[in-house]
PDB file of N, CA and C in Angstrom:
ATOM      1  N   MET A   1     108.779 208.308   3.785  1.00  0.00           N
ATOM      2  CA  MET A   1     107.360 208.385   4.048  1.00  0.00           C
ATOM      3  C   MET A   1     107.118 208.112   5.538  1.00  0.00           C
ATOM      4  N   GLY A   2     106.519 209.076   6.173  1.00  0.00           N
ATOM      5  CA  GLY A   2     106.285 208.953   7.615  1.00  0.00           C
ATOM      6  C   GLY A   2     105.039 208.150   7.927  1.00  0.00           C
ATOM      7  N   VAL A   3     104.992 207.653   9.114  1.00  0.00           N
ATOM      8  CA  VAL A   3     103.838 206.881   9.565  1.00  0.00           C
ATOM      9  C   VAL A   3     102.896 207.813  10.303  1.00  0.00           C
ATOM     10  N   THR A   4     101.650 207.837   9.896  1.00  0.00           N
ATOM     11  CA  THR A   4     100.664 208.682  10.566  1.00  0.00           C
ATOM     12  C   THR A   4      99.881 207.829  11.546  1.00  0.00           C
ATOM     13  N   ARG A   5      99.537 208.431  12.675  1.00  0.00           N
ATOM     14  CA  ARG A   5      98.746 207.732  13.674  1.00  0.00           C
ATOM     15  C   ARG A   5      97.388 208.390  13.744  1.00  0.00           C
ATOM     16  N   LEU A   6      96.358 207.578  13.857  1.00  0.00           N
ATOM     17  CA  LEU A   6      95.040 208.117  13.997  1.00  0.00           C
ATOM     18  C   LEU A   6      94.805 208.431  15.467  1.00  0.00           C
ATOM     19  N   GLN A   7      94.788 209.707  15.788  1.00  0.00           N
ATOM     20  CA  GLN A   7      94.677 210.130  17.175  1.00  0.00           C
ATOM     21  C   GLN A   7      93.338 209.722  17.792  1.00  0.00           C
ATOM     22  N   ARG A   8      92.280 209.796  16.993  1.00  0.00           N
ATOM     23  CA  ARG A   8      90.971 209.398  17.532  1.00  0.00           C
ATOM     24  C   ARG A   8      90.948 207.916  17.912  1.00  0.00           C
ATOM     25  N   LYS A   9      91.575 207.109  17.072  1.00  0.00           N
ATOM     26  CA  LYS A   9      91.595 205.662  17.356  1.00  0.00           C
ATOM     27  C   LYS A   9      92.433 205.388  18.610  1.00  0.00           C
ATOM     28  N   VAL A  10      93.548 206.085  18.762  1.00  0.00           N
ATOM     29  CA  VAL A  10      94.376 205.913  19.952  1.00  0.00           C
ATOM     30  C   VAL A  10      93.586 206.277  21.214  1.00  0.00           C
ATOM     31  N   LYS A  11      92.889 207.414  21.153  1.00  0.00           N
ATOM     32  CA  LYS A  11      92.099 207.837  22.315  1.00  0.00           C
ATOM     33  C   LYS A  11      91.003 206.838  22.622  1.00  0.00           C
ATOM     34  N   ARG A  12      90.346 206.329  21.562  1.00  0.00           N
ATOM     35  CA  ARG A  12      89.258 205.378  21.754  1.00  0.00           C
ATOM     36  C   ARG A  12      89.761 204.089  22.385  1.00  0.00           C
ATOM     37  N   ASN A  13      90.907 203.588  21.893  1.00  0.00           N
ATOM     38  CA  ASN A  13      91.465 202.360  22.427  1.00  0.00           C
ATOM     39  C   ASN A  13      91.913 202.564  23.870  1.00  0.00           C
ATOM     40  N   PHE A  14      92.497 203.717  24.180  1.00  0.00           N
ATOM     41  CA  PHE A  14      92.930 203.989  25.552  1.00  0.00           C
ATOM     42  C   PHE A  14      91.710 204.070  26.480  1.00  0.00           C
ATOM     43  N   ALA A  15      90.643 204.704  25.998  1.00  0.00           N
ATOM     44  CA  ALA A  15      89.441 204.827  26.811  1.00  0.00           C
ATOM     45  C   ALA A  15      88.831 203.448  27.073  1.00  0.00           C
ATOM     46  N   LYS A  16      88.867 202.561  26.055  1.00  0.00           N
ATOM     47  CA  LYS A  16      88.339 201.203  26.253  1.00  0.00           C
ATOM     48  C   LYS A  16      89.115 200.473  27.339  1.00  0.00           C
ATOM     49  N   ALA A  17      90.418 200.613  27.311  1.00  0.00           N
ATOM     50  CA  ALA A  17      91.266 199.924  28.283  1.00  0.00           C
ATOM     51  C   ALA A  17      91.004 200.462  29.695  1.00  0.00           C
ATOM     52  N   VAL A  18      90.888 201.749  29.803  1.00  0.00           N
ATOM     53  CA  VAL A  18      90.633 202.383  31.113  1.00  0.00           C
ATOM     54  C   VAL A  18      89.296 201.911  31.658  1.00  0.00           C
ATOM     55  N   ASN A  19      88.270 201.939  30.789  1.00  0.00           N
ATOM     56  CA  ASN A  19      86.942 201.515  31.234  1.00  0.00           C
ATOM     57  C   ASN A  19      86.919 200.043  31.630  1.00  0.00           C
ATOM     58  N   LYS A  20      87.660 199.204  30.908  1.00  0.00           N
ATOM     59  CA  LYS A  20      87.727 197.798  31.230  1.00  0.00           C
ATOM     60  C   LYS A  20      88.349 197.602  32.607  1.00  0.00           C
ATOM     61  N   ASN A  21      89.430 198.308  32.884  1.00  0.00           N
ATOM     62  CA  ASN A  21      90.095 198.195  34.182  1.00  0.00           C
ATOM     63  C   ASN A  21      89.175 198.695  35.303  1.00  0.00           C
ATOM     64  N   LYS A  22      88.461 199.773  35.068  1.00  0.00           N
ATOM     65  CA  LYS A  22      87.520 200.279  36.080  1.00  0.00           C
ATOM     66  C   LYS A  22      86.440 199.251  36.362  1.00  0.00           C
ATOM     67  N   TYR A  23      85.946 198.625  35.297  1.00  0.00           N
ATOM     68  CA  TYR A  23      84.868 197.615  35.436  1.00  0.00           C
ATOM     69  C   TYR A  23      85.369 196.438  36.244  1.00  0.00           C
ATOM     70  N   ILE A  24      86.562 195.964  35.955  1.00  0.00           N
ATOM     71  CA  ILE A  24      87.145 194.831  36.669  1.00  0.00           C
ATOM     72  C   ILE A  24      87.317 195.189  38.159  1.00  0.00           C
ATOM     73  N   LYS A  25      87.849 196.382  38.431  1.00  0.00           N
ATOM     74  CA  LYS A  25      88.014 196.797  39.825  1.00  0.00           C
ATOM     75  C   LYS A  25      86.687 196.877  40.543  1.00  0.00           C
ATOM     76  N   GLN A  26      85.645 197.336  39.847  1.00  0.00           N
ATOM     77  CA  GLN A  26      84.333 197.419  40.448  1.00  0.00           C
ATOM     78  C   GLN A  26      83.782 196.048  40.767  1.00  0.00           C
ATOM     79  N   LEU A  27      84.013 195.068  39.871  1.00  0.00           N
ATOM     80  CA  LEU A  27      83.541 193.717  40.115  1.00  0.00           C
ATOM     81  C   LEU A  27      84.270 193.087  41.300  1.00  0.00           C
ATOM     82  N   CYS A  28      85.562 193.412  41.444  1.00  0.00           N
ATOM     83  CA  CYS A  28      86.360 192.794  42.509  1.00  0.00           C
ATOM     84  C   CYS A  28      86.196 193.523  43.843  1.00  0.00           C
ATOM     85  N   ALA A  29      85.588 194.683  43.809  1.00  0.00           N
ATOM     86  CA  ALA A  29      85.438 195.473  45.039  1.00  0.00           C
ATOM     87  C   ALA A  29      84.510 194.740  46.020  1.00  0.00           C
ATOM     88  N   LYS A  30      84.877 194.772  47.256  1.00  0.00           N
ATOM     89  CA  LYS A  30      84.093 194.115  48.294  1.00  0.00           C
ATOM     90  C   LYS A  30      83.617 195.175  49.266  1.00  0.00           C
ATOM     91  N   PRO A  31      82.331 195.314  49.437  1.00  0.00           N
ATOM     92  CA  PRO A  31      81.836 196.349  50.344  1.00  0.00           C
ATOM     93  C   PRO A  31      82.203 196.042  51.801  1.00  0.00           C
ATOM     94  N   VAL A  32      82.451 197.088  52.536  1.00  0.00           N
ATOM     95  CA  VAL A  32      82.813 196.960  53.930  1.00  0.00           C
ATOM     96  C   VAL A  32      81.521 196.824  54.741  1.00  0.00           C
ATOM     97  N   ILE A  33      81.418 195.715  55.477  1.00  0.00           N
ATOM     98  CA  ILE A  33      80.248 195.489  56.313  1.00  0.00           C
ATOM     99  C   ILE A  33      80.699 195.523  57.765  1.00  0.00           C
ATOM    100  N   ARG A  34      80.132 196.456  58.503  1.00  0.00           N
ATOM    101  CA  ARG A  34      80.545 196.593  59.903  1.00  0.00           C
ATOM    102  C   ARG A  34      79.310 196.590  60.787  1.00  0.00           C
ATOM    103  N   LYS A  35      79.489 196.086  61.979  1.00  0.00           N
ATOM    104  CA  LYS A  35      78.482 196.129  63.015  1.00  0.00           C
ATOM    105  C   LYS A  35      77.145 195.537  62.553  1.00  0.00           C
ATOM    106  N   VAL A  36      77.203 194.338  62.046  1.00  0.00           N
ATOM    107  CA  VAL A  36      75.994 193.657  61.619  1.00  0.00           C
ATOM    108  C   VAL A  36      75.581 192.688  62.710  1.00  0.00           C
ATOM    109  N   ASP A  37      74.352 192.797  63.154  1.00  0.00           N
ATOM    110  CA  ASP A  37      73.846 191.899  64.207  1.00  0.00           C
ATOM    111  C   ASP A  37      73.245 190.668  63.513  1.00  0.00           C
ATOM    112  N   VAL A  38      74.021 189.595  63.459  1.00  0.00           N
ATOM    113  CA  VAL A  38      73.624 188.388  62.761  1.00  0.00           C
ATOM    114  C   VAL A  38      72.392 187.748  63.427  1.00  0.00           C
ATOM    115  N   GLU A  39      72.383 187.765  64.748  1.00  0.00           N
ATOM    116  CA  GLU A  39      71.267 187.159  65.472  1.00  0.00           C
ATOM    117  C   GLU A  39      69.943 187.876  65.169  1.00  0.00           C
ATOM    118  N   ALA A  40      69.982 189.185  65.044  1.00  0.00           N
ATOM    119  CA  ALA A  40      68.781 189.956  64.734  1.00  0.00           C
ATOM    120  C   ALA A  40      68.281 189.621  63.341  1.00  0.00           C
ATOM    121  N   ILE A  41      69.209 189.434  62.414  1.00  0.00           N
ATOM    122  CA  ILE A  41      68.836 189.089  61.046  1.00  0.00           C
ATOM    123  C   ILE A  41      68.191 187.709  60.995  1.00  0.00           C
ATOM    124  N   LYS A  42      68.775 186.768  61.766  1.00  0.00           N
ATOM    125  CA  LYS A  42      68.195 185.401  61.806  1.00  0.00           C
ATOM    126  C   LYS A  42      66.769 185.439  62.378  1.00  0.00           C
ATOM    127  N   LYS A  43      66.577 186.210  63.451  1.00  0.00           N
ATOM    128  CA  LYS A  43      65.226 186.338  64.037  1.00  0.00           C
ATOM    129  C   LYS A  43      64.269 186.936  63.022  1.00  0.00           C
ATOM    130  N   GLU A  44      64.724 187.897  62.263  1.00  0.00           N
ATOM    131  CA  GLU A  44      63.875 188.540  61.260  1.00  0.00           C
ATOM    132  C   GLU A  44      63.417 187.531  60.199  1.00  0.00           C
ATOM    133  N   PHE A  45      64.380 186.707  59.732  1.00  0.00           N
ATOM    134  CA  PHE A  45      64.010 185.674  58.748  1.00  0.00           C
ATOM    135  C   PHE A  45      63.030 184.680  59.303  1.00  0.00           C
ATOM    136  N   GLU A  46      63.258 184.269  60.558  1.00  0.00           N
ATOM    137  CA  GLU A  46      62.332 183.317  61.179  1.00  0.00           C
ATOM    138  C   GLU A  46      60.941 183.918  61.341  1.00  0.00           C
ATOM    139  N   ALA A  47      60.880 185.199  61.670  1.00  0.00           N
ATOM    140  CA  ALA A  47      59.567 185.867  61.808  1.00  0.00           C
ATOM    141  C   ALA A  47      58.875 185.931  60.443  1.00  0.00           C
ATOM    142  N   LYS A  48      59.604 186.213  59.405  1.00  0.00           N
ATOM    143  CA  LYS A  48      58.997 186.258  58.081  1.00  0.00           C
ATOM    144  C   LYS A  48      58.511 184.869  57.645  1.00  0.00           C
ATOM    145  N   LYS A  49      59.298 183.843  57.971  1.00  0.00           N
ATOM    146  CA  LYS A  49      58.902 182.486  57.624  1.00  0.00           C
ATOM    147  C   LYS A  49      57.635 182.085  58.375  1.00  0.00           C
ATOM    148  N   ALA A  50      57.560 182.455  59.643  1.00  0.00           N
ATOM    149  CA  ALA A  50      56.389 182.108  60.454  1.00  0.00           C
ATOM    150  C   ALA A  50      55.167 182.880  59.964  1.00  0.00           C
ATOM    151  N   ALA A  51      55.356 184.102  59.533  1.00  0.00           N
ATOM    152  CA  ALA A  51      54.238 184.922  59.048  1.00  0.00           C
ATOM    153  C   ALA A  51      53.723 184.389  57.706  1.00  0.00           C
ATOM    154  N   ALA A  52      54.582 183.766  56.934  1.00  0.00           N
ATOM    155  CA  ALA A  52      54.201 183.240  55.603  1.00  0.00           C
ATOM    156  C   ALA A  52      53.344 181.976  55.741  1.00  0.00           C
ATOM    157  N   LYS A  53      53.510 181.268  56.831  1.00  0.00           N
ATOM    158  CA  LYS A  53      52.773 180.004  56.989  1.00  0.00           C
ATOM    159  C   LYS A  53      51.356 180.216  57.422  1.00  0.00           C
TER     160      LYS A  53
END
């Protein structure tokens, strides 16, 4: 008596694993930030704070 495999279940399980790995990689991905003017951002926050008062 041979063992039968459910092909749909195999595909579904494989797809779940692939999606899980993609999701983990997406969570761990770090965006590249280049040429950010920190001083300009600080001035912008200070201006917003002064405008709120």
